[in-house]
Protein backbone atom coordinates (compact mmCIF):
# COMPACT_ATOMS: atom_id res chain seq x y z
CA UNK A 1 -83.20 84.83 -49.63
CA UNK A 2 -79.59 85.79 -50.13
CA UNK A 3 -79.53 87.38 -46.73
CA UNK A 4 -81.13 84.35 -45.05
CA UNK A 5 -78.63 82.15 -46.42
CA UNK A 6 -75.91 84.46 -45.24
CA UNK A 7 -77.16 84.35 -41.81
CA UNK A 8 -77.62 80.59 -41.68
CA UNK A 9 -73.91 79.95 -42.63
CA UNK A 10 -72.20 81.16 -39.46
CA UNK A 11 -74.91 79.29 -37.40
CA UNK A 12 -74.03 75.89 -39.11
CA UNK A 13 -70.25 76.57 -38.55
CA UNK A 14 -70.84 77.31 -34.98
CA UNK A 15 -72.96 74.25 -34.45
CA UNK A 16 -70.33 72.16 -36.33
CA UNK A 17 -67.60 73.52 -34.16
CA UNK A 18 -69.77 72.87 -31.07
CA UNK A 19 -69.95 69.30 -32.02
CA UNK A 20 -66.26 68.82 -32.73
CA UNK A 21 -65.32 70.62 -29.52
CA UNK A 22 -67.87 68.48 -27.33
CA UNK A 23 -66.56 65.23 -29.06
CA UNK A 24 -63.02 66.11 -28.20
CA UNK A 25 -63.88 66.99 -24.63
CA UNK A 26 -65.93 63.57 -24.34
CA UNK A 27 -62.95 61.72 -25.90
CA UNK A 28 -60.55 63.31 -23.44
CA UNK A 29 -62.48 62.78 -20.36
CA UNK A 30 -64.04 59.41 -20.94
CA UNK A 31 -62.37 56.26 -19.43
CA UNK A 32 -61.58 53.41 -21.95
CA UNK A 33 -62.24 49.73 -20.70
CA UNK A 34 -59.29 48.22 -18.84
CA UNK A 35 -58.06 44.78 -20.19
CA UNK A 36 -57.91 42.34 -17.43
CA UNK A 37 -57.39 38.74 -16.90
CA UNK A 38 -60.39 36.86 -15.56
CA UNK A 39 -60.92 33.66 -13.33
CA UNK A 40 -63.90 31.54 -12.55
CA UNK A 41 -65.51 30.80 -9.25
CA UNK A 42 -65.77 26.79 -9.14
CA UNK A 43 -66.68 23.88 -7.02
CA UNK A 44 -64.47 20.98 -6.47
CA UNK A 45 -61.84 19.25 -4.24
CA UNK A 46 -59.34 21.23 -2.29
CA UNK A 47 -56.51 20.46 -0.14
CA UNK A 48 -54.13 22.65 2.17
CA UNK A 49 -50.74 21.35 2.23
CA UNK A 50 -47.49 22.08 4.04
CA UNK A 51 -44.71 22.25 1.57
CA UNK A 52 -40.81 21.75 2.33
CA UNK A 53 -37.77 20.09 1.10
CA UNK A 54 -37.10 16.46 1.96
CA UNK A 55 -34.58 13.86 1.61
CA UNK A 56 -34.96 10.17 0.32
CA UNK A 57 -33.18 7.63 2.55
CA UNK A 58 -33.04 3.97 2.91
CA UNK A 59 -34.92 2.95 6.10
CA UNK A 60 -32.35 0.66 7.78
CA UNK A 61 -28.71 1.65 6.92
CA UNK A 62 -26.07 -0.49 8.19
CA UNK A 63 -22.55 1.04 8.82
CA UNK A 64 -19.71 -1.54 8.72
CA UNK A 65 -16.99 -0.15 10.89
CA UNK A 66 -13.29 -1.36 11.47
CA UNK A 67 -13.55 -4.11 14.26
CA UNK A 68 -9.74 -3.35 15.32
CA UNK A 69 -6.76 -0.91 14.66
CA UNK A 70 -4.81 -1.90 11.75
CA UNK A 71 -4.11 -1.15 7.99
CA UNK A 72 -7.06 -1.14 5.60
CA UNK A 73 -6.50 -2.55 2.24
CA UNK A 74 -8.35 -0.81 -0.76
CA UNK A 75 -12.03 -1.74 -0.88
CA UNK A 76 -13.05 -3.24 -4.09
CA UNK A 77 -16.60 -2.69 -3.85
CA UNK A 78 -18.46 0.08 -5.60
CA UNK A 79 -21.66 1.94 -4.57
CA UNK A 80 -24.41 -0.03 -6.17
CA UNK A 81 -22.88 -3.43 -5.90
CA UNK A 82 -25.14 -6.10 -4.18
CA UNK A 83 -23.72 -7.75 -1.10
CA UNK A 84 -24.76 -11.04 0.78
CA UNK A 85 -24.99 -11.53 4.47
CA UNK A 86 -21.79 -13.33 6.05
CA UNK A 87 -20.66 -14.07 2.63
CA UNK A 88 -19.39 -10.87 0.64
CA UNK A 89 -15.97 -9.69 1.69
CA UNK A 90 -16.10 -5.89 2.22
CA UNK A 91 -12.83 -5.10 3.79
CA UNK A 92 -9.58 -6.56 4.77
CA UNK A 93 -7.37 -5.27 7.55
CA UNK A 94 -3.73 -6.13 8.17
CA UNK A 95 -1.80 -5.36 11.34
CA UNK A 96 -0.30 -1.91 11.19
CA UNK A 97 3.32 -1.49 10.58
CA UNK A 98 5.51 -0.71 13.55
CA UNK A 99 6.31 3.20 13.75
CA UNK A 100 9.70 4.70 12.92
CA UNK A 101 11.91 5.59 15.74
CA UNK A 102 13.53 8.88 16.20
CA UNK A 103 17.39 9.07 17.46
CA UNK A 104 16.35 9.41 21.05
CA UNK A 105 13.75 6.53 21.04
CA UNK A 106 16.17 4.15 19.23
CA UNK A 107 19.12 4.95 21.62
CA UNK A 108 16.71 4.43 24.56
CA UNK A 109 15.44 1.00 22.98
CA UNK A 110 19.11 -0.27 22.36
CA UNK A 111 20.02 0.62 25.75
CA UNK A 112 17.11 -1.38 27.20
CA UNK A 113 18.02 -4.14 24.91
CA UNK A 114 21.59 -4.39 26.46
CA UNK A 115 20.31 -3.97 29.95
CA UNK A 116 18.09 -7.08 29.63
CA UNK A 117 20.89 -8.90 27.82
CA UNK A 118 22.91 -8.42 30.92
CA UNK A 119 20.06 -9.34 33.27
CA UNK A 120 19.72 -12.53 31.20
CA UNK A 121 23.39 -13.35 31.58
CA UNK A 122 23.29 -12.67 35.28
CA UNK A 123 20.21 -15.00 35.72
CA UNK A 124 21.88 -17.77 33.93
CA UNK A 125 24.90 -17.47 36.31
CA UNK A 126 22.45 -17.53 39.21
CA UNK A 127 21.11 -20.85 37.68
CA UNK A 128 24.57 -22.18 37.64
CA UNK A 129 24.98 -21.26 41.29
CA UNK A 130 21.51 -22.90 42.28
CA UNK A 131 22.63 -25.94 40.58
CA UNK A 132 25.74 -26.18 42.50
CA UNK A 133 23.89 -25.56 45.67
CA UNK A 134 21.34 -28.12 45.10
CA UNK A 135 24.03 -30.70 44.19
CA UNK A 136 25.76 -29.95 47.61
CA UNK A 137 22.44 -30.20 49.42
CA UNK A 138 21.73 -33.54 47.64
CA UNK A 139 24.88 -34.96 49.04
CA UNK A 140 24.38 -33.78 52.46
CA UNK A 141 20.89 -35.19 52.44
CA UNK A 142 22.12 -38.62 51.31
CA UNK A 143 25.05 -38.52 53.72
CA UNK A 144 22.67 -37.79 56.70
CA UNK A 145 20.25 -40.42 55.55
CA UNK A 146 22.99 -43.07 55.60
CA UNK A 147 24.21 -42.09 58.99
CA UNK A 148 20.48 -41.98 60.24
CA UNK A 149 20.04 -45.55 58.97
CA UNK A 150 23.06 -46.65 60.94
CA UNK A 151 22.01 -44.88 64.15
CA UNK A 152 24.83 -42.32 63.96
CA UNK A 153 22.47 -39.34 63.23
CA UNK A 154 19.75 -37.66 64.81
CA UNK A 155 16.09 -37.21 63.28
CA UNK A 156 16.65 -33.43 63.62
CA UNK A 157 19.80 -33.44 61.54
CA UNK A 158 17.84 -35.45 58.78
CA UNK A 159 15.08 -33.00 58.84
CA UNK A 160 17.53 -29.93 58.62
CA UNK A 161 19.19 -31.67 55.59
CA UNK A 162 15.88 -32.30 53.87
CA UNK A 163 15.01 -28.60 54.47
CA UNK A 164 18.41 -27.44 52.87
CA UNK A 165 17.70 -29.71 49.98
CA UNK A 166 14.02 -28.28 49.33
CA UNK A 167 15.37 -24.71 49.70
CA UNK A 168 18.04 -25.61 47.03
CA UNK A 169 15.40 -26.99 44.78
CA UNK A 170 13.28 -23.76 45.12
CA UNK A 171 16.25 -21.61 44.60
CA UNK A 172 17.08 -23.27 41.25
CA UNK A 173 13.47 -23.10 40.11
CA UNK A 174 13.48 -19.43 41.01
CA UNK A 175 16.73 -18.86 38.95
CA UNK A 176 15.31 -20.54 36.07
CA UNK A 177 12.07 -18.48 36.11
CA UNK A 178 14.39 -15.46 36.35
CA UNK A 179 16.18 -16.61 33.15
CA UNK A 180 12.94 -17.11 31.16
CA UNK A 181 11.52 -13.34 32.30
CA UNK A 182 14.86 -11.96 31.31
CA UNK A 183 14.53 -13.80 27.95
CA UNK A 184 11.09 -12.38 27.41
CA UNK A 185 12.18 -8.88 28.28
CA UNK A 186 14.98 -9.05 26.11
CA UNK A 187 12.77 -10.11 23.28
CA UNK A 188 10.38 -7.14 23.95
CA UNK A 189 13.33 -4.89 23.73
CA UNK A 190 14.37 -6.46 20.52
CA UNK A 191 10.87 -6.15 19.09
CA UNK A 192 10.71 -2.30 20.06
CA UNK A 193 13.62 -2.08 17.56
CA UNK A 194 11.85 -3.67 14.52
CA UNK A 195 11.71 -1.23 11.50
CA UNK A 196 8.89 -0.83 9.18
CA UNK A 197 11.07 -1.90 6.27
CA UNK A 198 11.68 -5.29 8.10
CA UNK A 199 7.83 -6.13 7.90
CA UNK A 200 7.02 -7.10 4.38
CA UNK A 201 3.44 -8.45 4.71
CA UNK A 202 2.03 -6.22 7.44
CA UNK A 203 3.21 -8.75 10.18
CA UNK A 204 0.22 -10.99 9.72
CA UNK A 205 -2.48 -12.46 7.69
CA UNK A 206 -4.98 -9.80 8.90
CA UNK A 207 -8.73 -9.87 9.45
CA UNK A 208 -11.52 -10.30 6.76
CA UNK A 209 -14.69 -8.15 7.31
CA UNK A 210 -17.74 -9.64 5.65
CA UNK A 211 -21.35 -7.95 5.06
CA UNK A 212 -23.40 -8.12 8.19
CA UNK A 213 -26.67 -8.14 6.18
CA UNK A 214 -27.74 -8.75 2.58
CA UNK A 215 -28.33 -5.75 0.38
CA UNK A 216 -26.76 -2.96 -1.64
CA UNK A 217 -23.58 -0.76 -1.17
CA UNK A 218 -24.91 2.63 -0.72
CA UNK A 219 -21.66 4.58 0.20
CA UNK A 220 -18.11 3.88 0.70
CA UNK A 221 -16.68 5.96 3.54
CA UNK A 222 -12.99 4.79 3.06
CA UNK A 223 -12.26 3.71 -0.29
CA UNK A 224 -8.33 3.82 -0.50
CA UNK A 225 -5.81 2.05 1.67
CA UNK A 226 -5.24 3.72 4.90
CA UNK A 227 -4.54 3.17 8.71
CA UNK A 228 -7.79 2.76 10.45
CA UNK A 229 -8.77 2.61 14.03
CA UNK A 230 -11.45 0.45 15.81
CA UNK A 231 -14.92 1.87 15.13
CA UNK A 232 -13.98 4.04 11.97
CA UNK A 233 -16.78 3.76 9.44
CA UNK A 234 -15.86 2.01 6.21
CA UNK A 235 -18.94 1.27 4.26
CA UNK A 236 -22.73 1.75 4.43
CA UNK A 237 -25.20 -1.16 3.23
CA UNK A 238 -29.07 -0.99 2.90
CA UNK A 239 -31.89 -2.19 0.88
CA UNK A 240 -32.86 0.54 -1.83
CA UNK A 241 -36.42 -0.78 -1.92
CA UNK A 242 -36.94 0.01 1.80
CA UNK A 243 -36.94 3.77 1.09
CA UNK A 244 -38.59 6.51 3.16
CA UNK A 245 -38.77 10.26 3.00
CA UNK A 246 -37.54 12.56 5.76
CA UNK A 247 -38.38 16.09 6.12
CA UNK A 248 -37.68 18.60 8.92
CA UNK A 249 -40.81 21.09 9.36
CA UNK A 250 -40.91 24.05 11.49
CA UNK A 251 -42.51 23.07 14.94
CA UNK A 252 -45.36 25.53 14.15
CA UNK A 253 -46.19 23.40 11.11
CA UNK A 254 -45.44 20.01 12.49
CA UNK A 255 -48.39 20.38 14.97
CA UNK A 256 -50.63 20.43 11.86
CA UNK A 257 -49.35 17.06 10.61
CA UNK A 258 -51.34 13.95 11.43
CA UNK A 259 -50.00 10.38 11.30
CA UNK A 260 -51.47 8.80 8.15
CA UNK A 261 -51.95 12.11 6.25
CA UNK A 262 -51.68 11.99 2.44
CA UNK A 263 -48.39 13.25 1.06
CA UNK A 264 -47.41 14.27 -2.66
CA UNK A 265 -43.79 13.79 -3.35
CA UNK A 266 -42.65 16.14 -6.31
CA UNK A 267 -39.37 17.25 -7.73
CA UNK A 268 -37.80 13.67 -7.47
CA UNK A 269 -36.67 13.42 -11.00
CA UNK A 270 -39.77 11.54 -12.47
CA UNK A 271 -42.49 12.86 -14.84
CA UNK A 272 -45.17 12.45 -12.14
CA UNK A 273 -45.30 13.08 -8.41
CA UNK A 274 -45.20 10.13 -6.02
CA UNK A 275 -47.74 9.33 -3.31
CA UNK A 276 -46.99 8.58 0.21
CA UNK A 277 -48.34 8.89 3.87
CA UNK A 278 -46.92 10.27 7.04
CA UNK A 279 -45.75 7.35 9.21
CA UNK A 280 -44.40 9.36 12.18
CA UNK A 281 -43.80 12.63 13.64
CA UNK A 282 -40.93 12.92 16.11
CA UNK A 283 -42.25 14.08 19.64
CA UNK A 284 -38.98 16.22 20.11
CA UNK A 285 -37.41 18.94 17.91
CA UNK A 286 -34.05 20.39 17.44
CA UNK A 287 -32.65 23.62 16.68
CA UNK A 288 -31.45 24.50 13.00
CA UNK A 289 -29.83 27.67 11.70
CA UNK A 290 -31.57 28.77 8.49
CA UNK A 291 -29.70 30.16 5.46
CA UNK A 292 -30.37 33.67 6.77
CA UNK A 293 -28.82 32.88 10.06
CA UNK A 294 -32.08 32.42 12.06
CA UNK A 295 -32.42 29.83 14.74
CA UNK A 296 -35.29 27.58 14.06
CA UNK A 297 -37.09 24.76 15.89
CA UNK A 298 -37.49 21.83 13.49
CA UNK A 299 -39.06 18.48 13.83
CA UNK A 300 -38.45 15.40 11.75
CA UNK A 301 -41.42 13.92 9.85
CA UNK A 302 -41.10 10.45 8.28
CA UNK A 303 -43.15 9.52 5.10
CA UNK A 304 -43.55 6.16 3.55
CA UNK A 305 -43.95 5.91 -0.29
CA UNK A 306 -46.93 4.12 -1.21
CA UNK A 307 -46.25 3.86 -4.95
CA UNK A 308 -44.56 0.58 -6.16
CA UNK A 309 -40.73 0.40 -6.36
CA UNK A 310 -40.89 0.06 -9.96
CA UNK A 311 -42.20 3.65 -10.38
CA UNK A 312 -39.40 5.36 -8.40
CA UNK A 313 -36.62 2.82 -8.58
CA UNK A 314 -34.11 5.29 -9.94
CA UNK A 315 -34.43 7.40 -6.83
CA UNK A 316 -31.51 6.79 -4.65
CA UNK A 317 -30.55 7.20 -1.10
CA UNK A 318 -29.80 10.94 -0.13
CA UNK A 319 -31.82 12.36 -3.11
CA UNK A 320 -33.69 15.70 -2.66
CA UNK A 321 -37.27 15.84 -3.14
CA UNK A 322 -40.21 18.34 -2.48
CA UNK A 323 -43.06 17.10 0.00
CA UNK A 324 -46.61 18.48 0.16
CA UNK A 325 -48.17 17.16 3.27
CA UNK A 326 -52.02 17.45 3.52
CA UNK A 327 -53.15 19.21 6.49
CA UNK A 328 -56.78 19.72 5.46
CA UNK A 329 -58.88 18.59 2.55
CA UNK A 330 -62.38 18.55 1.20
CA UNK A 331 -63.83 16.87 -1.73
CA UNK A 332 -66.27 19.70 -2.54
CA UNK A 333 -65.85 23.37 -1.89
CA UNK A 334 -66.42 26.64 -3.34
CA UNK A 335 -63.14 27.87 -4.69
CA UNK A 336 -61.74 31.25 -5.99
CA UNK A 337 -58.46 32.03 -7.29
CA UNK A 338 -56.17 33.48 -4.34
CA UNK A 339 -54.72 35.94 -7.20
CA UNK A 340 -58.36 37.63 -7.15
CA UNK A 341 -58.16 38.37 -3.60
CA UNK A 342 -57.06 41.30 -1.73
CA UNK A 343 -57.31 42.79 1.78
CA UNK A 344 -60.08 45.34 2.49
CA UNK A 345 -60.14 46.75 6.03
CA UNK A 346 -60.19 43.60 8.18
CA UNK A 347 -61.47 41.21 5.71
CA UNK A 348 -61.20 40.18 2.14
CA UNK A 349 -62.65 41.38 -1.12
CA UNK A 350 -62.54 40.80 -4.92
CA UNK A 351 -63.69 42.35 -8.02
CA UNK A 352 -66.72 40.49 -9.70
CA UNK A 353 -67.24 41.38 -13.51
CA UNK A 354 -71.07 41.81 -14.41
CA UNK A 355 -72.21 43.42 -17.69
CA UNK A 356 -68.71 44.47 -18.46
CA UNK A 357 -68.06 46.39 -15.34
CA UNK A 358 -66.20 45.62 -12.17
CA UNK A 359 -68.00 45.63 -8.84
CA UNK A 360 -66.30 45.37 -5.47
CA UNK A 361 -67.71 42.47 -3.29
CA UNK A 362 -66.60 41.76 0.21
CA UNK A 363 -66.13 37.96 0.83
CA UNK A 364 -65.61 35.54 3.51
CA UNK A 365 -62.94 32.71 3.18
CA UNK A 366 -61.82 29.91 5.27
CA UNK A 367 -58.90 27.68 4.01
CA UNK A 368 -56.60 28.77 1.27
CA UNK A 369 -53.47 27.41 -0.42
CA UNK A 370 -51.24 28.74 -3.00
CA UNK A 371 -53.82 28.49 -5.71
CA UNK A 372 -57.35 28.79 -4.53
CA UNK A 373 -59.25 29.81 -1.42
CA UNK A 374 -62.50 28.32 0.15
CA UNK A 375 -65.34 30.78 -0.08
CA UNK A 376 -67.80 30.84 2.76
CA UNK A 377 -69.77 33.85 1.70
CA UNK A 378 -70.15 36.55 -1.04
CA UNK A 379 -69.45 34.62 -4.34
CA UNK A 380 -71.49 32.02 -6.33
CA UNK A 381 -70.39 29.26 -8.59
CA UNK A 382 -69.57 30.67 -12.09
CA UNK A 383 -68.83 34.18 -10.95
CA UNK A 384 -66.01 35.86 -12.98
CA UNK A 385 -63.45 37.65 -10.81
CA UNK A 386 -60.46 39.89 -11.79
CA UNK A 387 -57.21 38.17 -11.39
CA UNK A 388 -54.26 40.42 -9.88
CA UNK A 389 -56.52 43.78 -9.75
CA UNK A 390 -54.48 46.75 -10.00
CA UNK A 391 -54.89 50.53 -8.88
CA UNK A 392 -56.90 51.33 -11.94
CA UNK A 393 -59.66 49.01 -11.21
CA UNK A 394 -62.41 50.81 -9.35
CA UNK A 395 -66.20 50.15 -8.64
CA UNK A 396 -68.21 50.29 -11.72
CA UNK A 397 -64.92 50.58 -13.90
CA UNK A 398 -65.57 49.26 -17.40
CA UNK A 399 -63.41 46.18 -18.19
CA UNK A 400 -62.69 43.91 -21.07
CA UNK A 401 -61.01 40.40 -20.79
CA UNK A 402 -57.48 40.36 -22.10
CA UNK A 403 -57.21 38.25 -25.16
CA UNK A 404 -54.16 35.86 -25.28
CA UNK A 405 -52.17 36.35 -28.33
């Protein structure tokens, strides 16, 4: 009995060692379950949108410009002030003050003044000469008329006397006109010598510019006093309740947008997105250089806001927004999270979890957006799929759902 127990001892030890080694080998080569995030295949509404930045602008903006050259007085209005058509004064423009003369220009102007003064004196002398000639012509005509009445002068002599009289009258009128012209030229020469310091009030009452329409001041282009030219923009007026959204889409995206398409307006500053619809897609595009220096063909798309003004009244002219224009939508489709999809050869595939193991399933999809894809074939409602599958996920691999802490 003692010998039998001595022989059984090494056998038991050997068996125990084999169990320990086998257990260690099993633990070393076995693959533990991988923690994964799971998503569910569901049915419901789905929309494909074109997302881009947009700008909120007043539909009709009226730019009030300077009607003439002059000196603009400081504008008292501020952005946001209401204005009334043909009543509210938006700007006052005074005549511009004369420019300073340099030494050469002043010397030339003074010389012209002296020249026109001399011409005026000469013209006045010619008037005196013309007066004397007319007086002589008057006496000659009177004398010939008296002789003709008594028969001592011919009709030809009378006609010649009348001609000399008429010529003397015309010469006097011409001399007087020359005096007037010389006086005007002298005044013009003296006006050229007027210095800015001699004009205290701008040289006149000026022009008052009133609002062309009723609305609200959106922006003041020229606030401070300054010299302005005709046509220079001064102030912008519009109705903030008549707001629209303008976005410039790539031409390849603009062709997918239909007039009347639903739009979601986000990131405008409110807690909830606004709703709108596409009113117009421009028929022509333009070239725009992106921030990366790439030339792109862009097309302007105009969007009307359908929510009441009370919801978005704090949104102003020129505010930045994000627009999501629906290019396709369906009220009932089979949806799978796009984060569960990956490319396999020429198609799409995903991992479906069944009985705690991952199974590779090729699928067919149609439309997709940033969140979900429309499933045509390969999945059923309620299937659980692995989100963001990594390289460790293989066919048949044991997986366990990651628990959120």
